[in-house]
Amino acid sequence: MSTEPQQPAGVAVAAAVVEPESPVIPVAPAEAAAAAPVTRKLAAGAAPVVVETSTATGEEKTGRVSRPMVVAAAVAGAVLVVLPVAFGTLSGDSGPGSGPNNAGYAQVPSPDGGFVPGLAAPQTENGNEGVTPPNGSVPGKNGDGTASGDLAGQTVPGPPGTPGQPVVPGQQPPPAQNQNQQGNPQAPPPAKPVTYEATAGPGCGSGTRFDGVGMYRDGKEGWVDHGGGCGSAFTSIPMSGDAAKDDPSAYGLWTFNTGPVTAGTCTVSVFVPNGDITAVGGSPTYYRVFDRFEVAKGTPVGSFQVSQVANRGGWVTVGSFKVNGAKLAVQLLTRGRDWDGSKRTYAHHAAGAVKAKCQA
């Protein structure tokens, strides 16, 4: 028969504690006094045995979770959180949300695709779901951490067909090309029209000329000059004596070299000077217009007539005529009566200034 003392009923023998800081299930003070601990000596070198007693009724008290269990659970949770992030980094993902959802992340359906690991977006005061700015940016700052409005590190659009240029701090960005409301570059303004304007007549020049063809001097019966200077000088040309027939050997001729307007339209105006019928007596005076200087060989492009007696002292715009080869000519004809009944009136046509305004 063994001589070792017997363990009383209701005594639990625990094995050697592996972890020295394992907690002991607490026992109420009244119960601890009733149940005295029982220990025994072991052989030399044996691990000590801790003996705890239970209540006299044999009922086990429910205890709290031991610290090793808490530590183990915390380590397991940390591993579950860290592993998806580590695998996402190794696979080249820029972060949660760049591909399929990683374990441990709850995707938040928001307008800009932001999310918070493990949580849904909170409600804001206005009832909208909280949204994390894209790329982890902070409100009031850009995604790279610079303040909003800071152009450093950004690019600005260059001219069409060229890449954007980086903005250097302290340097103004290049001006943007003019664009319309749709964002397309505007068309260049239309080219200015080609025009020509000049005045021809006695005393005038600048590419113009006045010629008195068939001129002769015979007092008040022949050609008579008046005044001086361009615009005020004029020549009185004798009439043919027949209101329906011209003197082909005598006429006045204004010519214009229209310069840049080689082909186009010219508006012609005639100045009627002041004087009596012996100086300004056309009623009316007939004119023809040519697109060449050799009027005797050409066909007129137009004609007009002016009552000089009714328009003395002013300009009369007579119409527009086509010009070709940068040449324009106006011819004054001599048809007209210089008598009244059986009496000579010595009436003359006045050849003053003629103006041409042309446009291609």
Protein backbone atom coordinates (compact mmCIF):
# COMPACT_ATOMS: atom_id res chain seq x y z
CA MET A 1 0.00 0.00 0.00
CA SER A 2 1.32 3.41 -0.91
CA THR A 3 2.38 5.63 1.87
CA GLU A 4 1.79 8.84 -0.08
CA PRO A 5 -0.98 10.96 1.36
CA GLN A 6 -4.28 10.67 -0.55
CA GLN A 7 -5.77 13.70 -2.20
CA PRO A 8 -9.05 14.73 -0.69
CA ALA A 9 -12.20 14.49 -2.79
CA GLY A 10 -12.84 17.60 -4.90
CA VAL A 11 -9.11 18.49 -5.21
CA ALA A 12 -7.81 19.05 -8.77
CA VAL A 13 -4.12 18.52 -9.46
CA ALA A 14 -2.74 20.81 -12.16
CA ALA A 15 0.28 19.97 -14.24
CA ALA A 16 3.37 22.13 -14.20
CA VAL A 17 2.51 25.54 -15.58
CA VAL A 18 4.20 26.12 -18.91
CA GLU A 19 3.78 29.89 -18.87
CA PRO A 20 4.80 31.40 -15.54
CA GLU A 21 2.30 34.29 -15.77
CA SER A 22 -0.84 32.15 -16.20
CA PRO A 23 -3.63 33.61 -14.05
CA VAL A 24 -5.28 31.57 -11.29
CA ILE A 25 -9.04 31.39 -11.29
CA PRO A 26 -10.13 33.55 -8.38
CA VAL A 27 -12.08 32.03 -5.48
CA ALA A 28 -14.47 33.96 -3.28
CA PRO A 29 -13.03 34.72 0.18
CA ALA A 30 -15.59 32.58 2.00
CA GLU A 31 -14.89 29.61 -0.18
CA ALA A 32 -11.14 30.10 0.03
CA ALA A 33 -11.30 29.80 3.79
CA ALA A 34 -13.28 26.58 3.65
CA ALA A 35 -11.05 24.91 1.11
CA ALA A 36 -7.42 24.83 2.18
CA PRO A 37 -4.82 24.12 -0.50
CA VAL A 38 -3.09 20.76 -0.40
CA THR A 39 0.47 20.33 -1.62
CA ARG A 40 2.87 17.50 -1.72
CA LYS A 41 6.52 17.14 -2.03
CA LEU A 42 7.89 15.69 -5.22
CA ALA A 43 11.06 13.98 -5.89
CA ALA A 44 14.15 16.05 -6.33
CA GLY A 45 14.26 17.72 -9.75
CA ALA A 46 10.51 17.37 -10.32
CA ALA A 47 8.52 20.44 -11.20
CA PRO A 48 6.35 21.83 -8.43
CA VAL A 49 2.68 21.06 -8.62
CA VAL A 50 0.11 23.70 -7.96
CA VAL A 51 -3.04 22.40 -6.33
CA GLU A 52 -6.23 24.40 -6.26
CA THR A 53 -9.43 23.43 -4.54
CA SER A 54 -12.95 23.88 -5.67
CA THR A 55 -16.01 24.58 -3.63
CA ALA A 56 -17.38 21.95 -1.27
CA THR A 57 -20.32 21.44 -3.59
CA GLY A 58 -18.04 20.49 -6.50
CA GLU A 59 -19.38 23.25 -8.78
CA GLU A 60 -16.70 24.89 -10.97
CA LYS A 61 -16.72 28.65 -11.14
CA THR A 62 -16.79 30.23 -14.56
CA GLY A 63 -13.49 32.17 -15.13
CA ARG A 64 -12.37 34.90 -17.52
CA VAL A 65 -10.34 34.21 -20.67
CA SER A 66 -6.69 33.70 -19.95
CA ARG A 67 -4.11 36.21 -21.14
CA PRO A 68 -2.41 33.74 -23.55
CA MET A 69 -5.72 33.34 -25.34
CA VAL A 70 -6.11 37.11 -25.61
CA VAL A 71 -2.58 37.50 -26.98
CA ALA A 72 -3.06 34.66 -29.45
CA ALA A 73 -6.33 36.17 -30.72
CA ALA A 74 -4.71 39.60 -31.15
CA VAL A 75 -1.79 38.12 -33.09
CA ALA A 76 -4.14 36.18 -35.36
CA GLY A 77 -6.20 39.30 -36.07
CA ALA A 78 -3.10 41.33 -36.88
CA VAL A 79 -1.90 38.64 -39.29
CA LEU A 80 -5.27 38.62 -41.06
CA VAL A 81 -5.08 42.41 -41.53
CA VAL A 82 -1.40 42.64 -42.56
CA LEU A 83 -1.29 39.73 -45.03
CA PRO A 84 -3.69 41.23 -47.68
CA VAL A 85 -1.84 44.54 -47.59
CA ALA A 86 1.53 42.80 -47.95
CA PHE A 87 0.31 40.68 -50.88
CA GLY A 88 -1.23 43.77 -52.56
CA THR A 89 2.10 45.66 -52.26
CA LEU A 90 4.13 42.76 -53.66
CA SER A 91 1.75 42.40 -56.63
CA GLY A 92 2.26 46.07 -57.62
CA ASP A 93 -1.11 47.42 -56.53
CA SER A 94 -1.04 51.07 -55.53
CA GLY A 95 -3.41 50.41 -52.67
CA PRO A 96 -6.80 49.06 -51.79
CA GLY A 97 -9.29 49.74 -54.51
CA SER A 98 -6.80 49.49 -57.40
CA GLY A 99 -8.05 46.02 -58.30
CA PRO A 100 -10.40 43.39 -56.85
CA ASN A 101 -11.25 44.04 -53.21
CA ASN A 102 -8.61 42.61 -50.85
CA ALA A 103 -9.63 40.69 -47.81
CA GLY A 104 -10.08 42.95 -44.81
CA TYR A 105 -11.30 45.94 -46.87
CA ALA A 106 -14.91 47.02 -47.13
CA GLN A 107 -15.51 48.86 -50.38
CA VAL A 108 -17.55 52.04 -50.00
CA PRO A 109 -19.73 52.93 -53.00
CA SER A 110 -19.00 56.64 -53.35
CA PRO A 111 -18.83 58.99 -56.33
CA ASP A 112 -15.05 59.16 -56.39
CA GLY A 113 -14.31 55.57 -55.37
CA GLY A 114 -12.85 56.39 -51.92
CA PHE A 115 -12.95 53.83 -49.06
CA VAL A 116 -11.89 53.26 -45.46
CA PRO A 117 -10.26 49.91 -44.60
CA GLY A 118 -12.71 47.70 -42.74
CA LEU A 119 -15.42 50.33 -42.36
CA ALA A 120 -18.27 51.83 -44.33
CA ALA A 121 -18.25 55.54 -44.94
CA PRO A 122 -19.83 57.50 -42.04
CA GLN A 123 -22.89 59.66 -42.47
CA THR A 124 -22.27 63.38 -42.67
CA GLU A 125 -24.47 66.07 -41.21
CA ASN A 126 -26.31 66.63 -44.47
CA GLY A 127 -27.10 62.96 -44.81
CA ASN A 128 -24.58 62.17 -47.55
CA GLU A 129 -22.11 59.38 -47.08
CA GLY A 130 -18.62 60.51 -46.18
CA VAL A 131 -16.26 60.28 -49.12
CA THR A 132 -12.53 59.86 -48.98
CA PRO A 133 -10.87 62.08 -51.65
CA PRO A 134 -9.26 60.06 -54.46
CA ASN A 135 -5.61 59.01 -54.14
CA GLY A 136 -5.78 59.57 -50.38
CA SER A 137 -5.72 63.35 -50.79
CA VAL A 138 -6.78 65.69 -48.01
CA PRO A 139 -9.43 68.39 -48.54
CA GLY A 140 -7.72 71.67 -49.41
CA LYS A 141 -4.64 69.84 -50.75
CA ASN A 142 -3.66 68.06 -53.92
CA GLY A 143 -2.98 64.36 -54.07
CA ASP A 144 0.77 64.98 -53.71
CA GLY A 145 0.30 66.96 -50.48
CA THR A 146 0.69 70.42 -51.99
CA ALA A 147 -1.90 73.07 -51.23
CA SER A 148 -4.77 73.52 -53.64
CA GLY A 149 -3.94 76.13 -56.26
CA ASP A 150 -0.20 75.34 -56.06
CA LEU A 151 0.89 74.66 -59.64
CA ALA A 152 4.26 73.19 -58.67
CA GLY A 153 4.74 69.78 -60.20
CA GLN A 154 1.67 70.09 -62.39
CA THR A 155 1.58 70.53 -66.15
CA VAL A 156 -0.20 73.08 -68.26
CA PRO A 157 -1.46 72.53 -71.80
CA GLY A 158 0.90 73.65 -74.54
CA PRO A 159 0.13 74.61 -78.14
CA PRO A 160 -1.91 72.09 -80.14
CA GLY A 161 0.13 69.00 -80.92
CA THR A 162 2.71 69.55 -78.16
CA PRO A 163 2.78 67.93 -74.70
CA GLY A 164 2.05 69.91 -71.55
CA GLN A 165 4.95 71.69 -69.89
CA PRO A 166 5.72 71.35 -66.14
CA VAL A 167 5.16 74.45 -64.07
CA VAL A 168 8.19 75.72 -62.18
CA PRO A 169 7.46 77.42 -58.81
CA GLY A 170 7.58 81.19 -59.19
CA GLN A 171 7.19 81.00 -62.98
CA GLN A 172 3.99 82.09 -64.71
CA PRO A 173 2.38 79.44 -66.94
CA PRO A 174 2.36 80.23 -70.69
CA PRO A 175 -0.80 81.96 -71.94
CA ALA A 176 -3.42 79.66 -73.32
CA GLN A 177 -4.38 79.89 -76.96
CA ASN A 178 -7.59 81.70 -77.71
CA GLN A 179 -10.48 79.35 -77.75
CA ASN A 180 -14.14 79.53 -78.38
CA GLN A 181 -16.91 78.41 -76.09
CA GLN A 182 -16.54 74.79 -77.31
CA GLY A 183 -12.84 74.80 -76.36
CA ASN A 184 -11.60 74.73 -79.99
CA PRO A 185 -8.93 77.17 -81.22
CA GLN A 186 -10.44 80.22 -82.88
CA ALA A 187 -9.91 80.83 -86.59
CA PRO A 188 -7.61 83.73 -87.50
CA PRO A 189 -9.37 87.00 -88.34
CA PRO A 190 -10.26 87.48 -92.00
CA ALA A 191 -7.78 89.36 -94.15
CA LYS A 192 -8.47 93.03 -94.79
CA PRO A 193 -9.99 93.75 -98.20
CA VAL A 194 -7.76 95.21 -100.91
CA THR A 195 -8.83 98.76 -101.76
CA TYR A 196 -7.79 101.74 -103.86
CA GLU A 197 -8.88 105.38 -103.81
CA ALA A 198 -7.62 108.35 -105.83
CA THR A 199 -8.69 111.64 -107.42
CA ALA A 200 -7.83 112.63 -110.98
CA GLY A 201 -8.17 116.00 -112.70
CA PRO A 202 -6.28 119.15 -113.63
CA GLY A 203 -3.45 119.62 -111.14
CA CYS A 204 -3.73 116.04 -109.67
CA GLY A 205 -1.22 113.17 -109.79
CA SER A 206 -0.46 110.02 -107.69
CA GLY A 207 -1.04 107.46 -110.43
CA THR A 208 -3.82 109.47 -112.08
CA ARG A 209 -3.93 111.71 -115.11
CA PHE A 210 -6.20 114.16 -116.97
CA ASP A 211 -5.82 114.77 -120.71
CA GLY A 212 -7.66 117.31 -122.92
CA VAL A 213 -7.74 115.56 -126.26
CA GLY A 214 -8.17 117.99 -129.23
CA MET A 215 -7.53 121.04 -127.03
CA TYR A 216 -7.28 124.45 -128.75
CA ARG A 217 -7.32 128.02 -127.52
CA ASP A 218 -9.70 130.59 -129.10
CA GLY A 219 -10.89 132.91 -126.41
CA LYS A 220 -14.37 132.13 -125.15
CA GLU A 221 -14.98 129.75 -128.09
CA GLY A 222 -12.03 127.42 -127.34
CA TRP A 223 -10.71 125.49 -124.25
CA VAL A 224 -10.50 127.63 -121.14
CA ASP A 225 -8.62 126.80 -117.89
CA HIS A 226 -9.88 127.90 -114.47
CA GLY A 227 -8.42 127.89 -110.97
CA GLY A 228 -5.43 125.92 -109.77
CA GLY A 229 -4.66 122.82 -107.75
CA CYS A 230 -6.22 119.38 -107.57
CA GLY A 231 -9.93 119.60 -106.78
CA SER A 232 -10.38 123.29 -107.53
CA ALA A 233 -8.88 123.60 -111.02
CA PHE A 234 -11.03 122.68 -114.02
CA THR A 235 -11.10 123.11 -117.79
CA SER A 236 -14.10 124.30 -119.85
CA ILE A 237 -14.49 122.23 -123.04
CA PRO A 238 -16.49 123.65 -126.00
CA MET A 239 -19.71 121.80 -126.98
CA SER A 240 -20.16 120.18 -130.40
CA GLY A 241 -23.29 122.24 -131.15
CA ASP A 242 -25.46 119.07 -131.50
CA ALA A 243 -27.21 117.53 -128.49
CA ALA A 244 -27.08 114.07 -130.09
CA LYS A 245 -23.65 114.11 -131.74
CA ASP A 246 -20.10 114.21 -130.39
CA ASP A 247 -16.94 115.72 -131.83
CA PRO A 248 -14.77 112.57 -132.01
CA SER A 249 -11.60 114.68 -132.16
CA ALA A 250 -12.19 116.40 -128.82
CA TYR A 251 -12.92 114.99 -125.34
CA GLY A 252 -11.72 115.02 -121.77
CA LEU A 253 -10.13 111.81 -120.31
CA TRP A 254 -9.40 110.84 -116.67
CA THR A 255 -7.28 107.71 -116.14
CA PHE A 256 -6.58 105.72 -112.92
CA ASN A 257 -3.93 103.10 -112.29
CA THR A 258 -5.82 101.20 -109.55
CA GLY A 259 -2.63 99.56 -108.24
CA PRO A 260 -3.44 96.68 -105.83
CA VAL A 261 -6.96 96.27 -107.26
CA THR A 262 -6.18 94.52 -110.51
CA ALA A 263 -9.74 93.29 -110.83
CA GLY A 264 -12.75 94.50 -108.91
CA THR A 265 -15.34 97.26 -108.72
CA CYS A 266 -14.85 101.03 -108.65
CA THR A 267 -17.35 103.64 -107.48
CA VAL A 268 -17.03 106.86 -109.50
CA SER A 269 -17.86 110.39 -108.30
CA VAL A 270 -17.68 113.64 -110.32
CA PHE A 271 -17.11 117.12 -108.90
CA VAL A 272 -19.09 119.96 -110.56
CA PRO A 273 -17.39 123.36 -110.07
CA ASN A 274 -19.15 126.69 -109.85
CA GLY A 275 -19.57 128.99 -112.86
CA ASP A 276 -21.99 130.25 -115.54
CA ILE A 277 -22.94 128.32 -118.69
CA THR A 278 -19.84 129.56 -120.49
CA ALA A 279 -17.75 127.68 -117.88
CA VAL A 280 -20.13 125.07 -116.41
CA GLY A 281 -23.05 124.67 -118.81
CA GLY A 282 -23.60 120.93 -119.34
CA SER A 283 -27.31 120.17 -119.34
CA PRO A 284 -26.61 117.33 -119.28
CA THR A 285 -22.99 116.25 -119.79
CA TYR A 286 -22.39 112.68 -121.02
CA TYR A 287 -19.62 110.32 -119.82
CA ARG A 288 -18.40 106.82 -120.68
CA VAL A 289 -16.34 104.40 -118.51
CA PHE A 290 -13.63 101.98 -119.76
CA ASP A 291 -11.43 99.30 -118.22
CA ARG A 292 -8.51 100.42 -120.41
CA PHE A 293 -6.76 103.65 -121.33
CA GLU A 294 -7.09 103.36 -125.15
CA VAL A 295 -10.75 104.40 -125.27
CA ALA A 296 -10.80 104.81 -129.05
CA LYS A 297 -10.22 101.04 -129.45
CA GLY A 298 -12.25 99.69 -126.58
CA THR A 299 -15.84 99.10 -125.61
CA PRO A 300 -17.11 101.04 -122.59
CA VAL A 301 -18.10 99.05 -119.46
CA GLY A 302 -20.67 101.72 -118.59
CA SER A 303 -21.92 105.28 -119.07
CA PHE A 304 -23.70 108.02 -117.12
CA GLN A 305 -24.81 111.66 -117.43
CA VAL A 306 -24.75 114.63 -115.02
CA SER A 307 -26.68 117.89 -115.13
CA GLN A 308 -23.88 120.30 -114.33
CA VAL A 309 -26.22 123.27 -114.27
CA ALA A 310 -28.26 121.62 -111.45
CA ASN A 311 -25.28 120.34 -109.38
CA ARG A 312 -22.78 123.18 -109.37
CA GLY A 313 -20.38 123.27 -106.42
CA GLY A 314 -20.71 119.63 -105.27
CA TRP A 315 -19.82 115.96 -105.75
CA VAL A 316 -22.15 113.61 -107.62
CA THR A 317 -21.76 109.85 -107.18
CA VAL A 318 -22.70 108.29 -110.50
CA GLY A 319 -22.37 104.52 -109.91
CA SER A 320 -20.01 101.50 -109.73
CA PHE A 321 -18.13 99.97 -112.64
CA LYS A 322 -15.92 96.91 -113.14
CA VAL A 323 -12.17 97.34 -113.42
CA ASN A 324 -9.74 94.91 -115.05
CA GLY A 325 -5.98 94.93 -115.40
CA ALA A 326 -5.69 97.69 -112.76
CA LYS A 327 -6.96 100.27 -115.28
CA LEU A 328 -9.95 102.60 -115.17
CA ALA A 329 -10.78 105.46 -117.57
CA VAL A 330 -13.60 108.04 -117.63
CA GLN A 331 -14.32 109.95 -120.87
CA LEU A 332 -16.28 113.25 -121.14
CA LEU A 333 -18.09 113.67 -124.45
CA THR A 334 -18.70 117.01 -126.22
CA ARG A 335 -22.28 116.58 -127.41
CA GLY A 336 -24.46 119.60 -126.57
CA ARG A 337 -25.96 122.79 -127.93
CA ASP A 338 -24.05 126.06 -127.48
CA TRP A 339 -26.73 128.25 -129.00
CA ASP A 340 -30.28 129.33 -128.32
CA GLY A 341 -32.40 130.10 -131.38
CA SER A 342 -30.24 132.18 -133.60
CA LYS A 343 -27.93 133.34 -130.81
CA ARG A 344 -24.63 131.74 -129.66
CA THR A 345 -24.44 131.06 -125.93
CA TYR A 346 -20.84 129.76 -125.93
CA ALA A 347 -21.88 127.05 -123.47
CA HIS A 348 -19.05 124.71 -122.27
CA HIS A 349 -18.76 121.43 -120.38
CA ALA A 350 -16.71 121.63 -117.16
CA ALA A 351 -13.98 119.00 -116.68
CA GLY A 352 -13.04 119.13 -112.99
CA ALA A 353 -12.07 116.40 -110.49
CA VAL A 354 -13.18 112.75 -110.73
CA LYS A 355 -12.78 110.33 -107.80
CA ALA A 356 -12.55 106.52 -107.93
CA LYS A 357 -12.91 104.20 -104.89
CA CYS A 358 -12.12 100.60 -105.82
CA GLN A 359 -12.18 97.24 -104.04
CA ALA A 360 -11.00 93.85 -105.20
